[in-house]
Full PDB file with SEQRES, HELIX, SHEET, SSBOND, CRYST1, ORIGX, SCALE, CONECT and MASTER records, all heavy atoms in Angstrom:
SEQRES   1 A   40  ILE ASP GLN GLY CYS LYS PHE ALA TRP ILE PHE THR TYR          
SEQRES   2 A   40  ILE PRO VAL GLY ALA GLY ALA SER THR ASP LEU ILE ALA          
SEQRES   3 A   40  THR ALA GLU GLN ARG LYS TYR MET TYR ASP GLN ILE ARG          
SEQRES   4 A   40  LYS                                                          
HELIX    1 AA1 ALA A   28  ARG A   39  1                                  12    
CRYST1    1.000    1.000    1.000  90.00  90.00  90.00 P 1           1          
ORIGX1      1.000000  0.000000  0.000000        0.00000                         
ORIGX2      0.000000  1.000000  0.000000        0.00000                         
ORIGX3      0.000000  0.000000  1.000000        0.00000                         
SCALE1      1.000000  0.000000  0.000000        0.00000                         
SCALE2      0.000000  1.000000  0.000000        0.00000                         
SCALE3      0.000000  0.000000  1.000000        0.00000                         
ATOM      1  N   ILE A   1      14.527 -27.467 -61.774  1.00  0.00           N  
ATOM      2  CA  ILE A   1      13.544 -27.811 -62.735  1.00  0.00           C  
ATOM      3  C   ILE A   1      14.056 -28.930 -63.663  1.00  0.00           C  
ATOM      4  O   ILE A   1      13.419 -29.868 -64.047  1.00  0.00           O  
ATOM      5  CB  ILE A   1      12.977 -26.664 -63.492  1.00  0.00           C  
ATOM      6  CG1 ILE A   1      12.263 -25.645 -62.593  1.00  0.00           C  
ATOM      7  CG2 ILE A   1      12.201 -26.957 -64.686  1.00  0.00           C  
ATOM      8  CD1 ILE A   1      12.054 -24.349 -63.167  1.00  0.00           C  
ATOM      9  N   ASP A   2      15.295 -28.747 -64.164  1.00  0.00           N  
ATOM     10  CA  ASP A   2      15.999 -29.667 -65.006  1.00  0.00           C  
ATOM     11  C   ASP A   2      16.085 -31.029 -64.314  1.00  0.00           C  
ATOM     12  O   ASP A   2      16.024 -32.084 -65.024  1.00  0.00           O  
ATOM     13  CB  ASP A   2      17.355 -29.223 -65.454  1.00  0.00           C  
ATOM     14  CG  ASP A   2      17.275 -27.993 -66.389  1.00  0.00           C  
ATOM     15  OD1 ASP A   2      16.226 -27.814 -67.066  1.00  0.00           O  
ATOM     16  OD2 ASP A   2      18.306 -27.333 -66.587  1.00  0.00           O  
ATOM     17  N   GLN A   3      16.264 -31.046 -63.054  1.00  0.00           N  
ATOM     18  CA  GLN A   3      16.372 -32.371 -62.327  1.00  0.00           C  
ATOM     19  C   GLN A   3      15.052 -33.058 -62.227  1.00  0.00           C  
ATOM     20  O   GLN A   3      14.996 -34.177 -61.897  1.00  0.00           O  
ATOM     21  CB  GLN A   3      16.979 -32.034 -60.861  1.00  0.00           C  
ATOM     22  CG  GLN A   3      18.444 -31.580 -60.934  1.00  0.00           C  
ATOM     23  CD  GLN A   3      19.336 -32.580 -61.607  1.00  0.00           C  
ATOM     24  OE1 GLN A   3      19.343 -33.797 -61.471  1.00  0.00           O  
ATOM     25  NE2 GLN A   3      20.129 -32.006 -62.586  1.00  0.00           N  
ATOM     26  N   GLY A   4      13.957 -32.279 -62.417  1.00  0.00           N  
ATOM     27  CA  GLY A   4      12.600 -32.872 -62.341  1.00  0.00           C  
ATOM     28  C   GLY A   4      11.746 -32.408 -61.249  1.00  0.00           C  
ATOM     29  O   GLY A   4      10.659 -32.894 -60.960  1.00  0.00           O  
ATOM     30  N   CYS A   5      12.251 -31.426 -60.382  1.00  0.00           N  
ATOM     31  CA  CYS A   5      11.493 -30.986 -59.251  1.00  0.00           C  
ATOM     32  C   CYS A   5      10.208 -30.270 -59.717  1.00  0.00           C  
ATOM     33  O   CYS A   5      10.327 -29.379 -60.582  1.00  0.00           O  
ATOM     34  CB  CYS A   5      12.285 -30.002 -58.414  1.00  0.00           C  
ATOM     35  SG  CYS A   5      13.715 -30.745 -57.637  1.00  0.00           S  
ATOM     36  N   LYS A   6       9.083 -30.623 -59.024  1.00  0.00           N  
ATOM     37  CA  LYS A   6       7.784 -30.005 -59.292  1.00  0.00           C  
ATOM     38  C   LYS A   6       7.439 -28.871 -58.273  1.00  0.00           C  
ATOM     39  O   LYS A   6       6.589 -28.048 -58.580  1.00  0.00           O  
ATOM     40  CB  LYS A   6       6.638 -30.996 -59.334  1.00  0.00           C  
ATOM     41  CG  LYS A   6       6.810 -32.090 -60.379  1.00  0.00           C  
ATOM     42  CD  LYS A   6       6.971 -31.582 -61.780  1.00  0.00           C  
ATOM     43  CE  LYS A   6       7.028 -32.633 -62.856  1.00  0.00           C  
ATOM     44  NZ  LYS A   6       7.234 -32.068 -64.115  1.00  0.00           N  
ATOM     45  N   PHE A   7       8.175 -28.897 -57.194  1.00  0.00           N  
ATOM     46  CA  PHE A   7       7.887 -27.880 -56.198  1.00  0.00           C  
ATOM     47  C   PHE A   7       9.147 -27.620 -55.343  1.00  0.00           C  
ATOM     48  O   PHE A   7      10.077 -28.418 -55.450  1.00  0.00           O  
ATOM     49  CB  PHE A   7       6.751 -28.255 -55.223  1.00  0.00           C  
ATOM     50  CG  PHE A   7       6.983 -29.573 -54.417  1.00  0.00           C  
ATOM     51  CD1 PHE A   7       7.687 -29.500 -53.194  1.00  0.00           C  
ATOM     52  CD2 PHE A   7       6.617 -30.776 -54.959  1.00  0.00           C  
ATOM     53  CE1 PHE A   7       7.940 -30.641 -52.516  1.00  0.00           C  
ATOM     54  CE2 PHE A   7       6.777 -31.919 -54.236  1.00  0.00           C  
ATOM     55  CZ  PHE A   7       7.388 -31.942 -52.955  1.00  0.00           C  
ATOM     56  N   ALA A   8       9.103 -26.478 -54.621  1.00  0.00           N  
ATOM     57  CA  ALA A   8      10.197 -26.194 -53.815  1.00  0.00           C  
ATOM     58  C   ALA A   8       9.726 -25.546 -52.543  1.00  0.00           C  
ATOM     59  O   ALA A   8       9.052 -24.516 -52.552  1.00  0.00           O  
ATOM     60  CB  ALA A   8      11.194 -25.169 -54.467  1.00  0.00           C  
ATOM     61  N   TRP A   9       9.888 -26.182 -51.404  1.00  0.00           N  
ATOM     62  CA  TRP A   9       9.609 -25.623 -50.103  1.00  0.00           C  
ATOM     63  C   TRP A   9      10.836 -24.835 -49.535  1.00  0.00           C  
ATOM     64  O   TRP A   9      11.868 -25.448 -49.450  1.00  0.00           O  
ATOM     65  CB  TRP A   9       9.216 -26.775 -49.036  1.00  0.00           C  
ATOM     66  CG  TRP A   9       8.079 -27.608 -49.366  1.00  0.00           C  
ATOM     67  CD1 TRP A   9       7.861 -28.833 -48.834  1.00  0.00           C  
ATOM     68  CD2 TRP A   9       6.987 -27.343 -50.113  1.00  0.00           C  
ATOM     69  NE1 TRP A   9       6.723 -29.400 -49.233  1.00  0.00           N  
ATOM     70  CE2 TRP A   9       6.077 -28.513 -50.103  1.00  0.00           C  
ATOM     71  CE3 TRP A   9       6.454 -26.266 -50.903  1.00  0.00           C  
ATOM     72  CZ2 TRP A   9       4.833 -28.630 -50.721  1.00  0.00           C  
ATOM     73  CZ3 TRP A   9       5.326 -26.377 -51.667  1.00  0.00           C  
ATOM     74  CH2 TRP A   9       4.485 -27.501 -51.459  1.00  0.00           C  
ATOM     75  N   ILE A  10      10.584 -23.609 -49.186  1.00  0.00           N  
ATOM     76  CA  ILE A  10      11.702 -22.683 -48.885  1.00  0.00           C  
ATOM     77  C   ILE A  10      11.670 -22.307 -47.420  1.00  0.00           C  
ATOM     78  O   ILE A  10      10.681 -21.788 -46.971  1.00  0.00           O  
ATOM     79  CB  ILE A  10      11.648 -21.476 -49.807  1.00  0.00           C  
ATOM     80  CG1 ILE A  10      11.772 -21.911 -51.205  1.00  0.00           C  
ATOM     81  CG2 ILE A  10      12.790 -20.488 -49.410  1.00  0.00           C  
ATOM     82  CD1 ILE A  10      11.303 -20.882 -52.233  1.00  0.00           C  
ATOM     83  N   PHE A  11      12.719 -22.587 -46.721  1.00  0.00           N  
ATOM     84  CA  PHE A  11      12.895 -22.241 -45.321  1.00  0.00           C  
ATOM     85  C   PHE A  11      14.090 -21.394 -45.110  1.00  0.00           C  
ATOM     86  O   PHE A  11      14.945 -21.299 -45.960  1.00  0.00           O  
ATOM     87  CB  PHE A  11      13.148 -23.561 -44.414  1.00  0.00           C  
ATOM     88  CG  PHE A  11      11.977 -24.564 -44.604  1.00  0.00           C  
ATOM     89  CD1 PHE A  11      11.986 -25.461 -45.629  1.00  0.00           C  
ATOM     90  CD2 PHE A  11      10.992 -24.655 -43.666  1.00  0.00           C  
ATOM     91  CE1 PHE A  11      10.954 -26.449 -45.788  1.00  0.00           C  
ATOM     92  CE2 PHE A  11      10.037 -25.554 -43.720  1.00  0.00           C  
ATOM     93  CZ  PHE A  11       9.949 -26.494 -44.767  1.00  0.00           C  
ATOM     94  N   THR A  12      14.143 -20.645 -44.010  1.00  0.00           N  
ATOM     95  CA  THR A  12      15.249 -19.867 -43.599  1.00  0.00           C  
ATOM     96  C   THR A  12      15.906 -20.512 -42.375  1.00  0.00           C  
ATOM     97  O   THR A  12      15.144 -21.092 -41.596  1.00  0.00           O  
ATOM     98  CB  THR A  12      14.989 -18.393 -43.461  1.00  0.00           C  
ATOM     99  OG1 THR A  12      16.197 -17.695 -43.358  1.00  0.00           O  
ATOM    100  CG2 THR A  12      14.108 -18.127 -42.231  1.00  0.00           C  
ATOM    101  N   TYR A  13      17.185 -20.422 -42.176  1.00  0.00           N  
ATOM    102  CA  TYR A  13      17.835 -20.977 -41.029  1.00  0.00           C  
ATOM    103  C   TYR A  13      17.346 -20.366 -39.721  1.00  0.00           C  
ATOM    104  O   TYR A  13      17.299 -19.120 -39.617  1.00  0.00           O  
ATOM    105  CB  TYR A  13      19.366 -20.827 -41.216  1.00  0.00           C  
ATOM    106  CG  TYR A  13      20.124 -21.288 -39.905  1.00  0.00           C  
ATOM    107  CD1 TYR A  13      20.238 -22.598 -39.712  1.00  0.00           C  
ATOM    108  CD2 TYR A  13      20.522 -20.277 -39.028  1.00  0.00           C  
ATOM    109  CE1 TYR A  13      21.011 -22.997 -38.521  1.00  0.00           C  
ATOM    110  CE2 TYR A  13      21.248 -20.633 -37.906  1.00  0.00           C  
ATOM    111  CZ  TYR A  13      21.433 -22.005 -37.720  1.00  0.00           C  
ATOM    112  OH  TYR A  13      22.117 -22.394 -36.548  1.00  0.00           O  
ATOM    113  N   ILE A  14      17.014 -21.199 -38.725  1.00  0.00           N  
ATOM    114  CA  ILE A  14      16.537 -20.730 -37.434  1.00  0.00           C  
ATOM    115  C   ILE A  14      17.473 -21.343 -36.471  1.00  0.00           C  
ATOM    116  O   ILE A  14      17.767 -22.585 -36.459  1.00  0.00           O  
ATOM    117  CB  ILE A  14      15.092 -21.225 -37.152  1.00  0.00           C  
ATOM    118  CG1 ILE A  14      14.153 -20.806 -38.261  1.00  0.00           C  
ATOM    119  CG2 ILE A  14      14.658 -20.617 -35.792  1.00  0.00           C  
ATOM    120  CD1 ILE A  14      13.932 -19.314 -38.350  1.00  0.00           C  
ATOM    121  N   PRO A  15      18.075 -20.661 -35.469  1.00  0.00           N  
ATOM    122  CA  PRO A  15      19.050 -21.159 -34.557  1.00  0.00           C  
ATOM    123  C   PRO A  15      18.399 -21.879 -33.380  1.00  0.00           C  
ATOM    124  O   PRO A  15      18.422 -21.467 -32.221  1.00  0.00           O  
ATOM    125  CB  PRO A  15      19.769 -19.918 -34.039  1.00  0.00           C  
ATOM    126  CG  PRO A  15      18.764 -18.803 -34.166  1.00  0.00           C  
ATOM    127  CD  PRO A  15      17.904 -19.063 -35.340  1.00  0.00           C  
ATOM    128  N   VAL A  16      17.765 -23.055 -33.612  1.00  0.00           N  
ATOM    129  CA  VAL A  16      17.090 -23.806 -32.620  1.00  0.00           C  
ATOM    130  C   VAL A  16      18.047 -24.819 -32.017  1.00  0.00           C  
ATOM    131  O   VAL A  16      18.745 -25.421 -32.761  1.00  0.00           O  
ATOM    132  CB  VAL A  16      15.885 -24.529 -33.284  1.00  0.00           C  
ATOM    133  CG1 VAL A  16      15.312 -25.440 -32.305  1.00  0.00           C  
ATOM    134  CG2 VAL A  16      14.849 -23.513 -33.814  1.00  0.00           C  
ATOM    135  N   GLY A  17      18.042 -24.950 -30.746  1.00  0.00           N  
ATOM    136  CA  GLY A  17      18.884 -25.845 -30.101  1.00  0.00           C  
ATOM    137  C   GLY A  17      20.009 -25.082 -29.319  1.00  0.00           C  
ATOM    138  O   GLY A  17      20.507 -24.129 -29.823  1.00  0.00           O  
ATOM    139  N   ALA A  18      20.179 -25.550 -28.121  1.00  0.00           N  
ATOM    140  CA  ALA A  18      21.253 -24.865 -27.241  1.00  0.00           C  
ATOM    141  C   ALA A  18      22.600 -24.947 -28.023  1.00  0.00           C  
ATOM    142  O   ALA A  18      23.075 -25.870 -28.438  1.00  0.00           O  
ATOM    143  CB  ALA A  18      21.375 -25.507 -25.912  1.00  0.00           C  
ATOM    144  N   GLY A  19      23.230 -23.745 -28.108  1.00  0.00           N  
ATOM    145  CA  GLY A  19      24.474 -23.673 -28.741  1.00  0.00           C  
ATOM    146  C   GLY A  19      24.423 -23.538 -30.280  1.00  0.00           C  
ATOM    147  O   GLY A  19      25.445 -23.505 -31.005  1.00  0.00           O  
ATOM    148  N   ALA A  20      23.225 -23.415 -30.783  1.00  0.00           N  
ATOM    149  CA  ALA A  20      23.059 -23.289 -32.261  1.00  0.00           C  
ATOM    150  C   ALA A  20      23.665 -21.948 -32.660  1.00  0.00           C  
ATOM    151  O   ALA A  20      23.490 -21.003 -32.084  1.00  0.00           O  
ATOM    152  CB  ALA A  20      21.595 -23.299 -32.702  1.00  0.00           C  
ATOM    153  N   SER A  21      24.393 -21.946 -33.802  1.00  0.00           N  
ATOM    154  CA  SER A  21      25.089 -20.784 -34.332  1.00  0.00           C  
ATOM    155  C   SER A  21      24.120 -19.761 -34.840  1.00  0.00           C  
ATOM    156  O   SER A  21      23.128 -20.071 -35.497  1.00  0.00           O  
ATOM    157  CB  SER A  21      26.063 -21.185 -35.406  1.00  0.00           C  
ATOM    158  OG  SER A  21      26.658 -20.072 -36.066  1.00  0.00           O  
ATOM    159  N   THR A  22      24.344 -18.493 -34.512  1.00  0.00           N  
ATOM    160  CA  THR A  22      23.661 -17.427 -35.100  1.00  0.00           C  
ATOM    161  C   THR A  22      24.245 -16.882 -36.356  1.00  0.00           C  
ATOM    162  O   THR A  22      23.670 -16.026 -37.070  1.00  0.00           O  
ATOM    163  CB  THR A  22      23.430 -16.169 -34.108  1.00  0.00           C  
ATOM    164  OG1 THR A  22      24.737 -15.700 -33.718  1.00  0.00           O  
ATOM    165  CG2 THR A  22      22.672 -16.768 -32.803  1.00  0.00           C  
ATOM    166  N   ASP A  23      25.497 -17.365 -36.678  1.00  0.00           N  
ATOM    167  CA  ASP A  23      26.226 -16.833 -37.876  1.00  0.00           C  
ATOM    168  C   ASP A  23      25.637 -17.192 -39.199  1.00  0.00           C  
ATOM    169  O   ASP A  23      25.880 -16.572 -40.266  1.00  0.00           O  
ATOM    170  CB  ASP A  23      27.659 -17.340 -37.872  1.00  0.00           C  
ATOM    171  CG  ASP A  23      28.450 -16.776 -36.688  1.00  0.00           C  
ATOM    172  OD1 ASP A  23      28.036 -15.792 -36.099  1.00  0.00           O  
ATOM    173  OD2 ASP A  23      29.492 -17.426 -36.271  1.00  0.00           O  
ATOM    174  N   LEU A  24      24.675 -18.277 -39.140  1.00  0.00           N  
ATOM    175  CA  LEU A  24      24.065 -18.654 -40.388  1.00  0.00           C  
ATOM    176  C   LEU A  24      22.712 -17.994 -40.660  1.00  0.00           C  
ATOM    177  O   LEU A  24      22.080 -18.264 -41.750  1.00  0.00           O  
ATOM    178  CB  LEU A  24      23.812 -20.207 -40.445  1.00  0.00           C  
ATOM    179  CG  LEU A  24      25.145 -21.037 -40.524  1.00  0.00           C  
ATOM    180  CD1 LEU A  24      24.796 -22.497 -40.335  1.00  0.00           C  
ATOM    181  CD2 LEU A  24      25.858 -20.812 -41.807  1.00  0.00           C  
ATOM    182  N   ILE A  25      22.221 -17.214 -39.706  1.00  0.00           N  
ATOM    183  CA  ILE A  25      20.910 -16.454 -39.937  1.00  0.00           C  
ATOM    184  C   ILE A  25      21.030 -15.533 -41.168  1.00  0.00           C  
ATOM    185  O   ILE A  25      22.015 -14.783 -41.098  1.00  0.00           O  
ATOM    186  CB  ILE A  25      20.526 -15.738 -38.716  1.00  0.00           C  
ATOM    187  CG1 ILE A  25      20.370 -16.676 -37.498  1.00  0.00           C  
ATOM    188  CG2 ILE A  25      19.270 -14.924 -38.932  1.00  0.00           C  
ATOM    189  CD1 ILE A  25      19.963 -15.923 -36.165  1.00  0.00           C  
ATOM    190  N   ALA A  26      20.219 -15.668 -42.069  1.00  0.00           N  
ATOM    191  CA  ALA A  26      20.219 -14.734 -43.253  1.00  0.00           C  
ATOM    192  C   ALA A  26      20.122 -13.284 -42.841  1.00  0.00           C  
ATOM    193  O   ALA A  26      19.321 -13.061 -41.938  1.00  0.00           O  
ATOM    194  CB  ALA A  26      19.228 -15.131 -44.221  1.00  0.00           C  
ATOM    195  N   THR A  27      20.697 -12.343 -43.542  1.00  0.00           N  
ATOM    196  CA  THR A  27      20.572 -11.003 -43.313  1.00  0.00           C  
ATOM    197  C   THR A  27      19.168 -10.511 -43.745  1.00  0.00           C  
ATOM    198  O   THR A  27      18.566 -11.196 -44.528  1.00  0.00           O  
ATOM    199  CB  THR A  27      21.631 -10.131 -43.984  1.00  0.00           C  
ATOM    200  OG1 THR A  27      21.438 -10.274 -45.396  1.00  0.00           O  
ATOM    201  CG2 THR A  27      23.028 -10.650 -43.603  1.00  0.00           C  
ATOM    202  N   ALA A  28      18.716  -9.378 -43.350  1.00  0.00           N  
ATOM    203  CA  ALA A  28      17.489  -8.799 -43.821  1.00  0.00           C  
ATOM    204  C   ALA A  28      17.552  -8.631 -45.318  1.00  0.00           C  
ATOM    205  O   ALA A  28      16.505  -8.798 -45.996  1.00  0.00           O  
ATOM    206  CB  ALA A  28      17.161  -7.474 -43.102  1.00  0.00           C  
ATOM    207  N   GLU A  29      18.652  -8.120 -45.797  1.00  0.00           N  
ATOM    208  CA  GLU A  29      18.833  -7.938 -47.224  1.00  0.00           C  
ATOM    209  C   GLU A  29      18.819  -9.304 -48.046  1.00  0.00           C  
ATOM    210  O   GLU A  29      18.136  -9.346 -49.089  1.00  0.00           O  
ATOM    211  CB  GLU A  29      20.139  -7.321 -47.583  1.00  0.00           C  
ATOM    212  CG  GLU A  29      20.240  -5.839 -47.077  1.00  0.00           C  
ATOM    213  CD  GLU A  29      20.448  -5.667 -45.563  1.00  0.00           C  
ATOM    214  OE1 GLU A  29      20.868  -6.657 -44.903  1.00  0.00           O  
ATOM    215  OE2 GLU A  29      20.104  -4.584 -45.032  1.00  0.00           O  
ATOM    216  N   GLN A  30      19.216 -10.353 -47.431  1.00  0.00           N  
ATOM    217  CA  GLN A  30      19.150 -11.579 -48.148  1.00  0.00           C  
ATOM    218  C   GLN A  30      17.718 -12.130 -48.097  1.00  0.00           C  
ATOM    219  O   GLN A  30      17.224 -12.736 -49.066  1.00  0.00           O  
ATOM    220  CB  GLN A  30      20.022 -12.652 -47.500  1.00  0.00           C  
ATOM    221  CG  GLN A  30      21.496 -12.426 -47.706  1.00  0.00           C  
ATOM    222  CD  GLN A  30      22.420 -13.399 -46.958  1.00  0.00           C  
ATOM    223  OE1 GLN A  30      22.245 -13.624 -45.760  1.00  0.00           O  
ATOM    224  NE2 GLN A  30      23.421 -13.847 -47.532  1.00  0.00           N  
ATOM    225  N   ARG A  31      16.995 -11.894 -47.013  1.00  0.00           N  
ATOM    226  CA  ARG A  31      15.562 -12.221 -46.945  1.00  0.00           C  
ATOM    227  C   ARG A  31      14.649 -11.582 -48.010  1.00  0.00           C  
ATOM    228  O   ARG A  31      13.832 -12.077 -48.579  1.00  0.00           O  
ATOM    229  CB  ARG A  31      15.082 -12.114 -45.556  1.00  0.00           C  
ATOM    230  CG  ARG A  31      13.661 -12.658 -45.344  1.00  0.00           C  
ATOM    231  CD  ARG A  31      13.279 -12.727 -43.889  1.00  0.00           C  
ATOM    232  NE  ARG A  31      11.847 -12.968 -43.711  1.00  0.00           N  
ATOM    233  CZ  ARG A  31      11.279 -13.102 -42.394  1.00  0.00           C  
ATOM    234  NH1 ARG A  31      12.048 -13.009 -41.333  1.00  0.00           N  
ATOM    235  NH2 ARG A  31      10.073 -13.311 -42.316  1.00  0.00           N  
ATOM    236  N   LYS A  32      14.988 -10.208 -48.089  1.00  0.00           N  
ATOM    237  CA  LYS A  32      14.341  -9.501 -49.164  1.00  0.00           C  
ATOM    238  C   LYS A  32      14.663  -9.936 -50.568  1.00  0.00           C  
ATOM    239  O   LYS A  32      13.693  -9.959 -51.439  1.00  0.00           O  
ATOM    240  CB  LYS A  32      14.662  -8.020 -49.055  1.00  0.00           C  
ATOM    241  CG  LYS A  32      13.911  -7.064 -50.122  1.00  0.00           C  
ATOM    242  CD  LYS A  32      14.264  -5.590 -49.930  1.00  0.00           C  
ATOM    243  CE  LYS A  32      13.418  -4.805 -50.976  1.00  0.00           C  
ATOM    244  NZ  LYS A  32      13.553  -5.289 -52.387  1.00  0.00           N  
ATOM    245  N   TYR A  33      15.952 -10.380 -50.804  1.00  0.00           N  
ATOM    246  CA  TYR A  33      16.268 -10.864 -52.019  1.00  0.00           C  
ATOM    247  C   TYR A  33      15.439 -12.204 -52.402  1.00  0.00           C  
ATOM    248  O   TYR A  33      14.904 -12.385 -53.533  1.00  0.00           O  
ATOM    249  CB  TYR A  33      17.841 -11.280 -51.984  1.00  0.00           C  
ATOM    250  CG  TYR A  33      18.325 -12.133 -53.105  1.00  0.00           C  
ATOM    251  CD1 TYR A  33      18.476 -11.612 -54.358  1.00  0.00           C  
ATOM    252  CD2 TYR A  33      18.603 -13.465 -52.928  1.00  0.00           C  
ATOM    253  CE1 TYR A  33      18.989 -12.361 -55.436  1.00  0.00           C  
ATOM    254  CE2 TYR A  33      18.999 -14.268 -53.969  1.00  0.00           C  
ATOM    255  CZ  TYR A  33      19.198 -13.744 -55.288  1.00  0.00           C  
ATOM    256  OH  TYR A  33      19.638 -14.468 -56.267  1.00  0.00           O  
ATOM    257  N   MET A  34      15.259 -13.074 -51.379  1.00  0.00           N  
ATOM    258  CA  MET A  34      14.484 -14.257 -51.629  1.00  0.00           C  
ATOM    259  C   MET A  34      12.973 -13.881 -51.760  1.00  0.00           C  
ATOM    260  O   MET A  34      12.296 -14.500 -52.623  1.00  0.00           O  
ATOM    261  CB  MET A  34      14.514 -15.194 -50.331  1.00  0.00           C  
ATOM    262  CG  MET A  34      15.928 -15.755 -50.140  1.00  0.00           C  
ATOM    263  SD  MET A  34      16.466 -16.786 -51.547  1.00  0.00           S  
ATOM    264  CE  MET A  34      15.352 -18.159 -51.510  1.00  0.00           C  
ATOM    265  N   TYR A  35      12.478 -12.822 -51.066  1.00  0.00           N  
ATOM    266  CA  TYR A  35      11.191 -12.420 -51.251  1.00  0.00           C  
ATOM    267  C   TYR A  35      10.890 -11.930 -52.693  1.00  0.00           C  
ATOM    268  O   TYR A  35       9.971 -12.358 -53.377  1.00  0.00           O  
ATOM    269  CB  TYR A  35      10.910 -11.171 -50.339  1.00  0.00           C  
ATOM    270  CG  TYR A  35       9.561 -10.476 -50.589  1.00  0.00           C  
ATOM    271  CD1 TYR A  35       8.490 -10.815 -49.774  1.00  0.00           C  
ATOM    272  CD2 TYR A  35       9.471  -9.413 -51.418  1.00  0.00           C  
ATOM    273  CE1 TYR A  35       7.223 -10.173 -49.971  1.00  0.00           C  
ATOM    274  CE2 TYR A  35       8.357  -8.704 -51.534  1.00  0.00           C  
ATOM    275  CZ  TYR A  35       7.153  -9.162 -50.873  1.00  0.00           C  
ATOM    276  OH  TYR A  35       5.984  -8.442 -50.999  1.00  0.00           O  
ATOM    277  N   ASP A  36      11.853 -11.166 -53.225  1.00  0.00           N  
ATOM    278  CA  ASP A  36      11.712 -10.708 -54.592  1.00  0.00           C  
ATOM    279  C   ASP A  36      11.910 -11.836 -55.624  1.00  0.00           C  
ATOM    280  O   ASP A  36      11.139 -11.899 -56.655  1.00  0.00           O  
ATOM    281  CB  ASP A  36      12.732  -9.542 -54.845  1.00  0.00           C  
ATOM    282  CG  ASP A  36      12.545  -8.319 -54.091  1.00  0.00           C  
ATOM    283  OD1 ASP A  36      11.309  -8.043 -53.712  1.00  0.00           O  
ATOM    284  OD2 ASP A  36      13.491  -7.568 -53.776  1.00  0.00           O  
ATOM    285  N   GLN A  37      12.819 -12.645 -55.404  1.00  0.00           N  
ATOM    286  CA  GLN A  37      13.093 -13.689 -56.330  1.00  0.00           C  
ATOM    287  C   GLN A  37      11.910 -14.667 -56.531  1.00  0.00           C  
ATOM    288  O   GLN A  37      11.633 -15.089 -57.587  1.00  0.00           O  
ATOM    289  CB  GLN A  37      14.425 -14.387 -56.046  1.00  0.00           C  
ATOM    290  CG  GLN A  37      15.744 -13.716 -56.242  1.00  0.00           C  
ATOM    291  CD  GLN A  37      15.888 -13.332 -57.700  1.00  0.00           C  
ATOM    292  OE1 GLN A  37      15.561 -12.381 -58.317  1.00  0.00           O  
ATOM    293  NE2 GLN A  37      16.582 -14.441 -58.343  1.00  0.00           N  
ATOM    294  N   ILE A  38      11.422 -15.111 -55.407  1.00  0.00           N  
ATOM    295  CA  ILE A  38      10.400 -16.112 -55.353  1.00  0.00           C  
ATOM    296  C   ILE A  38       9.079 -15.544 -56.136  1.00  0.00           C  
ATOM    297  O   ILE A  38       8.512 -16.229 -56.930  1.00  0.00           O  
ATOM    298  CB  ILE A  38      10.030 -16.597 -53.983  1.00  0.00           C  
ATOM    299  CG1 ILE A  38      11.257 -17.369 -53.387  1.00  0.00           C  
ATOM    300  CG2 ILE A  38       8.765 -17.530 -54.049  1.00  0.00           C  
ATOM    301  CD1 ILE A  38      11.727 -18.536 -54.214  1.00  0.00           C  
ATOM    302  N   ARG A  39       8.848 -14.287 -55.878  1.00  0.00           N  
ATOM    303  CA  ARG A  39       7.677 -13.693 -56.597  1.00  0.00           C  
ATOM    304  C   ARG A  39       7.886 -13.578 -58.095  1.00  0.00           C  
ATOM    305  O   ARG A  39       7.000 -13.679 -58.866  1.00  0.00           O  
ATOM    306  CB  ARG A  39       7.311 -12.349 -55.888  1.00  0.00           C  
ATOM    307  CG  ARG A  39       6.520 -12.511 -54.659  1.00  0.00           C  
ATOM    308  CD  ARG A  39       6.663 -11.369 -53.636  1.00  0.00           C  
ATOM    309  NE  ARG A  39       5.823 -11.677 -52.467  1.00  0.00           N  
ATOM    310  CZ  ARG A  39       6.171 -12.551 -51.542  1.00  0.00           C  
ATOM    311  NH1 ARG A  39       7.285 -13.211 -51.625  1.00  0.00           N  
ATOM    312  NH2 ARG A  39       5.344 -12.774 -50.461  1.00  0.00           N  
ATOM    313  N   LYS A  40       9.116 -13.283 -58.397  1.00  0.00           N  
ATOM    314  CA  LYS A  40       9.438 -13.278 -59.863  1.00  0.00           C  
ATOM    315  C   LYS A  40       9.342 -14.757 -60.506  1.00  0.00           C  
ATOM    316  O   LYS A  40       8.808 -14.829 -61.557  1.00  0.00           O  
ATOM    317  CB  LYS A  40      10.899 -12.771 -60.051  1.00  0.00           C  
ATOM    318  CG  LYS A  40      11.336 -12.796 -61.526  1.00  0.00           C  
ATOM    319  CD  LYS A  40      12.806 -12.223 -61.688  1.00  0.00           C  
ATOM    320  CE  LYS A  40      13.729 -13.301 -61.262  1.00  0.00           C  
ATOM    321  NZ  LYS A  40      15.167 -12.868 -61.564  1.00  0.00           N  
TER     322      LYS A  40                                                      
MASTER        0    0    0    1    0    0    0    6  321    1    0    4          
END                                                                             
C-alpha cells in the first residue's frame, strides 16, 4: 500500500511443466493462513 498498489492478485504455486518442483507447493496450513489473512 505504501508503494502505491491499488490491488493485489494472489496466486499459489502450481507445478506446471515437466520437471517442475513440488517442493514449492504451499502446505494446506499455509493456504488456510492466506484464506484467513485476505479476508481480514
